[in-house]
Amino acid sequence: MAVFTFLDAFDFHGKTIYPLCTNEGSGMGSSESDIWKAAKGATVEKGLALKGSTVKSAKPQIKKWMKNNNLI
């Protein structure tokens, strides 16, 4: 709920959101569409879902995702 409170509180028109979340098997679920609905006016790009138990070794995966999205 904290994320949705944040998204509801600010104007995201013209902004781009790159969702990154952890899970234990559900993947992104409906996170991308939920964020798109809550952050009115934002562009929501393909997110990255990481299994929480593998986050410590996910640096290469995160770096690849960031490079693919021109974030680094």
PDB file of N, CA and C in Angstrom:
ATOM      1  N   MET A   1       0.817  -1.196   0.000  1.00  0.00           N
ATOM      2  CA  MET A   1       0.000   0.000   0.000  1.00  0.00           C
ATOM      3  C   MET A   1       0.863   1.263   0.000  1.00  0.00           C
ATOM      4  N   ALA A   2       2.052   1.198   0.566  1.00  0.00           N
ATOM      5  CA  ALA A   2       2.915   2.381   0.606  1.00  0.00           C
ATOM      6  C   ALA A   2       3.246   2.863  -0.804  1.00  0.00           C
ATOM      7  N   VAL A   3       3.481   1.940  -1.718  1.00  0.00           N
ATOM      8  CA  VAL A   3       3.808   2.317  -3.098  1.00  0.00           C
ATOM      9  C   VAL A   3       2.619   3.026  -3.740  1.00  0.00           C
ATOM     10  N   PHE A   4       1.431   2.506  -3.541  1.00  0.00           N
ATOM     11  CA  PHE A   4       0.248   3.123  -4.152  1.00  0.00           C
ATOM     12  C   PHE A   4      -0.062   4.478  -3.528  1.00  0.00           C
ATOM     13  N   THR A   5       0.182   4.642  -2.244  1.00  0.00           N
ATOM     14  CA  THR A   5       0.016   5.946  -1.599  1.00  0.00           C
ATOM     15  C   THR A   5       0.968   6.950  -2.242  1.00  0.00           C
ATOM     16  N   PHE A   6       2.214   6.535  -2.475  1.00  0.00           N
ATOM     17  CA  PHE A   6       3.192   7.387  -3.143  1.00  0.00           C
ATOM     18  C   PHE A   6       2.749   7.731  -4.557  1.00  0.00           C
ATOM     19  N   LEU A   7       2.311   6.734  -5.314  1.00  0.00           N
ATOM     20  CA  LEU A   7       1.900   6.964  -6.704  1.00  0.00           C
ATOM     21  C   LEU A   7       0.691   7.876  -6.788  1.00  0.00           C
ATOM     22  N   ASP A   8      -0.214   7.753  -5.849  1.00  0.00           N
ATOM     23  CA  ASP A   8      -1.407   8.607  -5.833  1.00  0.00           C
ATOM     24  C   ASP A   8      -1.081  10.054  -5.448  1.00  0.00           C
ATOM     25  N   ALA A   9      -0.001  10.250  -4.725  1.00  0.00           N
ATOM     26  CA  ALA A   9       0.306  11.572  -4.171  1.00  0.00           C
ATOM     27  C   ALA A   9       1.021  12.508  -5.142  1.00  0.00           C
ATOM     28  N   PHE A  10       1.572  11.980  -6.229  1.00  0.00           N
ATOM     29  CA  PHE A  10       2.381  12.808  -7.112  1.00  0.00           C
ATOM     30  C   PHE A  10       1.865  12.776  -8.546  1.00  0.00           C
ATOM     31  N   ASP A  11       2.242  13.787  -9.300  1.00  0.00           N
ATOM     32  CA  ASP A  11       1.863  13.890 -10.703  1.00  0.00           C
ATOM     33  C   ASP A  11       2.930  13.200 -11.550  1.00  0.00           C
ATOM     34  N   PHE A  12       2.571  12.133 -12.228  1.00  0.00           N
ATOM     35  CA  PHE A  12       3.518  11.364 -13.032  1.00  0.00           C
ATOM     36  C   PHE A  12       3.352  11.608 -14.532  1.00  0.00           C
ATOM     37  N   HIS A  13       2.595  12.616 -14.925  1.00  0.00           N
ATOM     38  CA  HIS A  13       2.434  12.918 -16.351  1.00  0.00           C
ATOM     39  C   HIS A  13       3.803  13.191 -16.969  1.00  0.00           C
ATOM     40  N   GLY A  14       4.075  12.513 -18.078  1.00  0.00           N
ATOM     41  CA  GLY A  14       5.343  12.690 -18.773  1.00  0.00           C
ATOM     42  C   GLY A  14       6.508  11.933 -18.163  1.00  0.00           C
ATOM     43  N   LYS A  15       6.274  11.173 -17.112  1.00  0.00           N
ATOM     44  CA  LYS A  15       7.339  10.412 -16.450  1.00  0.00           C
ATOM     45  C   LYS A  15       7.307   8.957 -16.917  1.00  0.00           C
ATOM     46  N   THR A  16       8.437   8.296 -16.772  1.00  0.00           N
ATOM     47  CA  THR A  16       8.537   6.878 -17.106  1.00  0.00           C
ATOM     48  C   THR A  16       8.908   6.117 -15.849  1.00  0.00           C
ATOM     49  N   ILE A  17       8.202   5.027 -15.598  1.00  0.00           N
ATOM     50  CA  ILE A  17       8.439   4.186 -14.429  1.00  0.00           C
ATOM     51  C   ILE A  17       8.934   2.821 -14.898  1.00  0.00           C
ATOM     52  N   TYR A  18       9.995   2.358 -14.269  1.00  0.00           N
ATOM     53  CA  TYR A  18      10.568   1.034 -14.534  1.00  0.00           C
ATOM     54  C   TYR A  18      10.407   0.204 -13.258  1.00  0.00           C
ATOM     55  N   PRO A  19       9.363  -0.608 -13.169  1.00  0.00           N
ATOM     56  CA  PRO A  19       9.117  -1.363 -11.946  1.00  0.00           C
ATOM     57  C   PRO A  19      10.185  -2.433 -11.698  1.00  0.00           C
ATOM     58  N   LEU A  20      10.593  -2.541 -10.462  1.00  0.00           N
ATOM     59  CA  LEU A  20      11.500  -3.593 -10.021  1.00  0.00           C
ATOM     60  C   LEU A  20      10.924  -4.113  -8.715  1.00  0.00           C
ATOM     61  N   CYS A  21      10.678  -5.413  -8.652  1.00  0.00           N
ATOM     62  CA  CYS A  21      10.080  -5.950  -7.443  1.00  0.00           C
ATOM     63  C   CYS A  21      10.675  -7.309  -7.104  1.00  0.00           C
ATOM     64  N   THR A  22      10.508  -7.688  -5.858  1.00  0.00           N
ATOM     65  CA  THR A  22      10.910  -9.022  -5.423  1.00  0.00           C
ATOM     66  C   THR A  22       9.655  -9.839  -5.160  1.00  0.00           C
ATOM     67  N   ASN A  23       9.811 -11.133  -5.242  1.00  0.00           N
ATOM     68  CA  ASN A  23       8.698 -12.052  -5.020  1.00  0.00           C
ATOM     69  C   ASN A  23       9.270 -13.407  -4.638  1.00  0.00           C
ATOM     70  N   GLU A  24       8.425 -14.336  -4.359  1.00  0.00           N
ATOM     71  CA  GLU A  24       8.866 -15.710  -4.109  1.00  0.00           C
ATOM     72  C   GLU A  24       8.145 -16.684  -5.026  1.00  0.00           C
ATOM     73  N   GLY A  25       7.882 -16.231  -6.250  1.00  0.00           N
ATOM     74  CA  GLY A  25       7.297 -17.131  -7.228  1.00  0.00           C
ATOM     75  C   GLY A  25       6.189 -16.537  -8.071  1.00  0.00           C
ATOM     76  N   SER A  26       5.706 -15.365  -7.709  1.00  0.00           N
ATOM     77  CA  SER A  26       4.583 -14.786  -8.453  1.00  0.00           C
ATOM     78  C   SER A  26       5.027 -13.920  -9.624  1.00  0.00           C
ATOM     79  N   GLY A  27       6.318 -13.692  -9.781  1.00  0.00           N
ATOM     80  CA  GLY A  27       6.790 -12.830 -10.857  1.00  0.00           C
ATOM     81  C   GLY A  27       6.257 -11.421 -10.684  1.00  0.00           C
ATOM     82  N   MET A  28       5.991 -10.742 -11.795  1.00  0.00           N
ATOM     83  CA  MET A  28       5.469  -9.382 -11.731  1.00  0.00           C
ATOM     84  C   MET A  28       3.991  -9.367 -11.358  1.00  0.00           C
ATOM     85  N   GLY A  29       3.326 -10.503 -11.534  1.00  0.00           N
ATOM     86  CA  GLY A  29       1.893 -10.519 -11.248  1.00  0.00           C
ATOM     87  C   GLY A  29       1.201  -9.416 -12.016  1.00  0.00           C
ATOM     88  N   SER A  30       0.404  -8.618 -11.339  1.00  0.00           N
ATOM     89  CA  SER A  30      -0.291  -7.495 -11.986  1.00  0.00           C
ATOM     90  C   SER A  30       0.363  -6.158 -11.647  1.00  0.00           C
ATOM     91  N   SER A  31       1.593  -6.207 -11.144  1.00  0.00           N
ATOM     92  CA  SER A  31       2.264  -4.979 -10.689  1.00  0.00           C
ATOM     93  C   SER A  31       2.338  -3.903 -11.759  1.00  0.00           C
ATOM     94  N   GLU A  32       2.737  -4.264 -12.981  1.00  0.00           N
ATOM     95  CA  GLU A  32       2.871  -3.254 -14.032  1.00  0.00           C
ATOM     96  C   GLU A  32       1.544  -2.573 -14.337  1.00  0.00           C
ATOM     97  N   SER A  33       0.490  -3.344 -14.489  1.00  0.00           N
ATOM     98  CA  SER A  33      -0.812  -2.729 -14.793  1.00  0.00           C
ATOM     99  C   SER A  33      -1.354  -1.968 -13.588  1.00  0.00           C
ATOM    100  N   ASP A  34      -1.099  -2.451 -12.375  1.00  0.00           N
ATOM    101  CA  ASP A  34      -1.538  -1.738 -11.177  1.00  0.00           C
ATOM    102  C   ASP A  34      -0.823  -0.395 -11.054  1.00  0.00           C
ATOM    103  N   ILE A  35       0.474  -0.378 -11.340  1.00  0.00           N
ATOM    104  CA  ILE A  35       1.234   0.871 -11.295  1.00  0.00           C
ATOM    105  C   ILE A  35       0.723   1.819 -12.368  1.00  0.00           C
ATOM    106  N   TRP A  36       0.489   1.302 -13.555  1.00  0.00           N
ATOM    107  CA  TRP A  36      -0.018   2.130 -14.657  1.00  0.00           C
ATOM    108  C   TRP A  36      -1.338   2.795 -14.264  1.00  0.00           C
ATOM    109  N   LYS A  37      -2.216   2.056 -13.597  1.00  0.00           N
ATOM    110  CA  LYS A  37      -3.503   2.612 -13.166  1.00  0.00           C
ATOM    111  C   LYS A  37      -3.331   3.678 -12.086  1.00  0.00           C
ATOM    112  N   ALA A  38      -2.381   3.458 -11.182  1.00  0.00           N
ATOM    113  CA  ALA A  38      -2.198   4.373 -10.049  1.00  0.00           C
ATOM    114  C   ALA A  38      -1.399   5.620 -10.408  1.00  0.00           C
ATOM    115  N   ALA A  39      -0.448   5.494 -11.324  1.00  0.00           N
ATOM    116  CA  ALA A  39       0.414   6.623 -11.702  1.00  0.00           C
ATOM    117  C   ALA A  39      -0.114   7.225 -13.000  1.00  0.00           C
ATOM    118  N   LYS A  40      -1.231   7.877 -12.891  1.00  0.00           N
ATOM    119  CA  LYS A  40      -1.907   8.417 -14.072  1.00  0.00           C
ATOM    120  C   LYS A  40      -0.982   9.327 -14.878  1.00  0.00           C
ATOM    121  N   GLY A  41      -0.942   9.083 -16.181  1.00  0.00           N
ATOM    122  CA  GLY A  41      -0.126   9.893 -17.079  1.00  0.00           C
ATOM    123  C   GLY A  41       1.283   9.375 -17.279  1.00  0.00           C
ATOM    124  N   ALA A  42       1.679   8.384 -16.512  1.00  0.00           N
ATOM    125  CA  ALA A  42       3.036   7.842 -16.631  1.00  0.00           C
ATOM    126  C   ALA A  42       3.098   6.763 -17.697  1.00  0.00           C
ATOM    127  N   THR A  43       4.278   6.593 -18.240  1.00  0.00           N
ATOM    128  CA  THR A  43       4.570   5.449 -19.094  1.00  0.00           C
ATOM    129  C   THR A  43       5.186   4.400 -18.179  1.00  0.00           C
ATOM    130  N   VAL A  44       4.658   3.199 -18.205  1.00  0.00           N
ATOM    131  CA  VAL A  44       5.192   2.120 -17.368  1.00  0.00           C
ATOM    132  C   VAL A  44       5.848   1.097 -18.286  1.00  0.00           C
ATOM    133  N   GLU A  45       7.154   0.968 -18.145  1.00  0.00           N
ATOM    134  CA  GLU A  45       7.920   0.048 -18.972  1.00  0.00           C
ATOM    135  C   GLU A  45       7.933  -1.358 -18.373  1.00  0.00           C
ATOM    136  N   LYS A  46       8.448  -2.294 -19.142  1.00  0.00           N
ATOM    137  CA  LYS A  46       8.562  -3.687 -18.691  1.00  0.00           C
ATOM    138  C   LYS A  46       9.434  -3.729 -17.446  1.00  0.00           C
ATOM    139  N   GLY A  47       8.918  -4.329 -16.410  1.00  0.00           N
ATOM    140  CA  GLY A  47       9.638  -4.379 -15.144  1.00  0.00           C
ATOM    141  C   GLY A  47      10.540  -5.588 -15.009  1.00  0.00           C
ATOM    142  N   LEU A  48      11.219  -5.637 -13.888  1.00  0.00           N
ATOM    143  CA  LEU A  48      12.079  -6.759 -13.546  1.00  0.00           C
ATOM    144  C   LEU A  48      11.598  -7.336 -12.235  1.00  0.00           C
ATOM    145  N   ALA A  49      11.284  -8.615 -12.252  1.00  0.00           N
ATOM    146  CA  ALA A  49      10.869  -9.313 -11.042  1.00  0.00           C
ATOM    147  C   ALA A  49      12.006 -10.234 -10.623  1.00  0.00           C
ATOM    148  N   LEU A  50      12.422 -10.099  -9.377  1.00  0.00           N
ATOM    149  CA  LEU A  50      13.497 -10.921  -8.839  1.00  0.00           C
ATOM    150  C   LEU A  50      12.963 -11.781  -7.711  1.00  0.00           C
ATOM    151  N   LYS A  51      13.380 -13.009  -7.705  1.00  0.00           N
ATOM    152  CA  LYS A  51      13.016 -13.885  -6.595  1.00  0.00           C
ATOM    153  C   LYS A  51      13.792 -13.417  -5.370  1.00  0.00           C
ATOM    154  N   GLY A  52      13.100 -13.139  -4.314  1.00  0.00           N
ATOM    155  CA  GLY A  52      13.713 -12.580  -3.110  1.00  0.00           C
ATOM    156  C   GLY A  52      14.890 -13.376  -2.593  1.00  0.00           C
ATOM    157  N   SER A  53      14.802 -14.679  -2.676  1.00  0.00           N
ATOM    158  CA  SER A  53      15.879 -15.526  -2.161  1.00  0.00           C
ATOM    159  C   SER A  53      17.130 -15.499  -3.031  1.00  0.00           C
ATOM    160  N   THR A  54      17.053 -14.884  -4.227  1.00  0.00           N
ATOM    161  CA  THR A  54      18.217 -14.822  -5.111  1.00  0.00           C
ATOM    162  C   THR A  54      18.740 -13.400  -5.301  1.00  0.00           C
ATOM    163  N   VAL A  55      18.194 -12.450  -4.576  1.00  0.00           N
ATOM    164  CA  VAL A  55      18.564 -11.052  -4.767  1.00  0.00           C
ATOM    165  C   VAL A  55      20.059 -10.819  -4.555  1.00  0.00           C
ATOM    166  N   LYS A  56      20.655 -11.504  -3.608  1.00  0.00           N
ATOM    167  CA  LYS A  56      22.076 -11.287  -3.326  1.00  0.00           C
ATOM    168  C   LYS A  56      22.962 -11.566  -4.532  1.00  0.00           C
ATOM    169  N   SER A  57      22.519 -12.426  -5.431  1.00  0.00           N
ATOM    170  CA  SER A  57      23.329 -12.759  -6.610  1.00  0.00           C
ATOM    171  C   SER A  57      22.738 -12.191  -7.902  1.00  0.00           C
ATOM    172  N   ALA A  58      21.815 -11.245  -7.795  1.00  0.00           N
ATOM    173  CA  ALA A  58      21.092 -10.731  -8.961  1.00  0.00           C
ATOM    174  C   ALA A  58      21.742  -9.523  -9.628  1.00  0.00           C
ATOM    175  N   LYS A  59      22.901  -9.086  -9.149  1.00  0.00           N
ATOM    176  CA  LYS A  59      23.524  -7.886  -9.714  1.00  0.00           C
ATOM    177  C   LYS A  59      23.688  -7.970 -11.237  1.00  0.00           C
ATOM    178  N   PRO A  60      24.174  -9.084 -11.810  1.00  0.00           N
ATOM    179  CA  PRO A  60      24.294  -9.140 -13.277  1.00  0.00           C
ATOM    180  C   PRO A  60      22.945  -9.001 -13.988  1.00  0.00           C
ATOM    181  N   GLN A  61      21.917  -9.612 -13.438  1.00  0.00           N
ATOM    182  CA  GLN A  61      20.580  -9.542 -14.031  1.00  0.00           C
ATOM    183  C   GLN A  61      20.038  -8.108 -13.964  1.00  0.00           C
ATOM    184  N   ILE A  62      20.246  -7.444 -12.844  1.00  0.00           N
ATOM    185  CA  ILE A  62      19.784  -6.060 -12.688  1.00  0.00           C
ATOM    186  C   ILE A  62      20.546  -5.147 -13.641  1.00  0.00           C
ATOM    187  N   LYS A  63      21.854  -5.344 -13.720  1.00  0.00           N
ATOM    188  CA  LYS A  63      22.675  -4.516 -14.611  1.00  0.00           C
ATOM    189  C   LYS A  63      22.247  -4.684 -16.071  1.00  0.00           C
ATOM    190  N   LYS A  64      21.971  -5.919 -16.482  1.00  0.00           N
ATOM    191  CA  LYS A  64      21.520  -6.178 -17.852  1.00  0.00           C
ATOM    192  C   LYS A  64      20.192  -5.478 -18.117  1.00  0.00           C
ATOM    193  N   TRP A  65      19.250  -5.588 -17.180  1.00  0.00           N
ATOM    194  CA  TRP A  65      17.941  -4.956 -17.313  1.00  0.00           C
ATOM    195  C   TRP A  65      18.092  -3.440 -17.413  1.00  0.00           C
ATOM    196  N   MET A  66      18.954  -2.879 -16.585  1.00  0.00           N
ATOM    197  CA  MET A  66      19.178  -1.433 -16.610  1.00  0.00           C
ATOM    198  C   MET A  66      19.807  -1.002 -17.945  1.00  0.00           C
ATOM    199  N   LYS A  67      20.779  -1.750 -18.444  1.00  0.00           N
ATOM    200  CA  LYS A  67      21.391  -1.431 -19.720  1.00  0.00           C
ATOM    201  C   LYS A  67      20.383  -1.535 -20.859  1.00  0.00           C
ATOM    202  N   ASN A  68      19.567  -2.577 -20.842  1.00  0.00           N
ATOM    203  CA  ASN A  68      18.550  -2.760 -21.883  1.00  0.00           C
ATOM    204  C   ASN A  68      17.538  -1.623 -21.913  1.00  0.00           C
ATOM    205  N   ASN A  69      17.368  -0.944 -20.791  1.00  0.00           N
ATOM    206  CA  ASN A  69      16.427   0.171 -20.690  1.00  0.00           C
ATOM    207  C   ASN A  69      17.134   1.531 -20.721  1.00  0.00           C
ATOM    208  N   ASN A  70      18.404   1.515 -21.100  1.00  0.00           N
ATOM    209  CA  ASN A  70      19.195   2.750 -21.192  1.00  0.00           C
ATOM    210  C   ASN A  70      19.200   3.535 -19.882  1.00  0.00           C
ATOM    211  N   LEU A  71      19.230   2.832 -18.765  1.00  0.00           N
ATOM    212  CA  LEU A  71      19.281   3.471 -17.457  1.00  0.00           C
ATOM    213  C   LEU A  71      20.710   3.640 -16.981  1.00  0.00           C
ATOM    214  N   ILE A  72      21.619   2.877 -17.581  1.00  0.00           N
ATOM    215  CA  ILE A  72      23.055   3.035 -17.304  1.00  0.00           C
ATOM    216  C   ILE A  72      23.816   2.934 -18.604  1.00  0.00           C
TER     217      ILE A  72
END
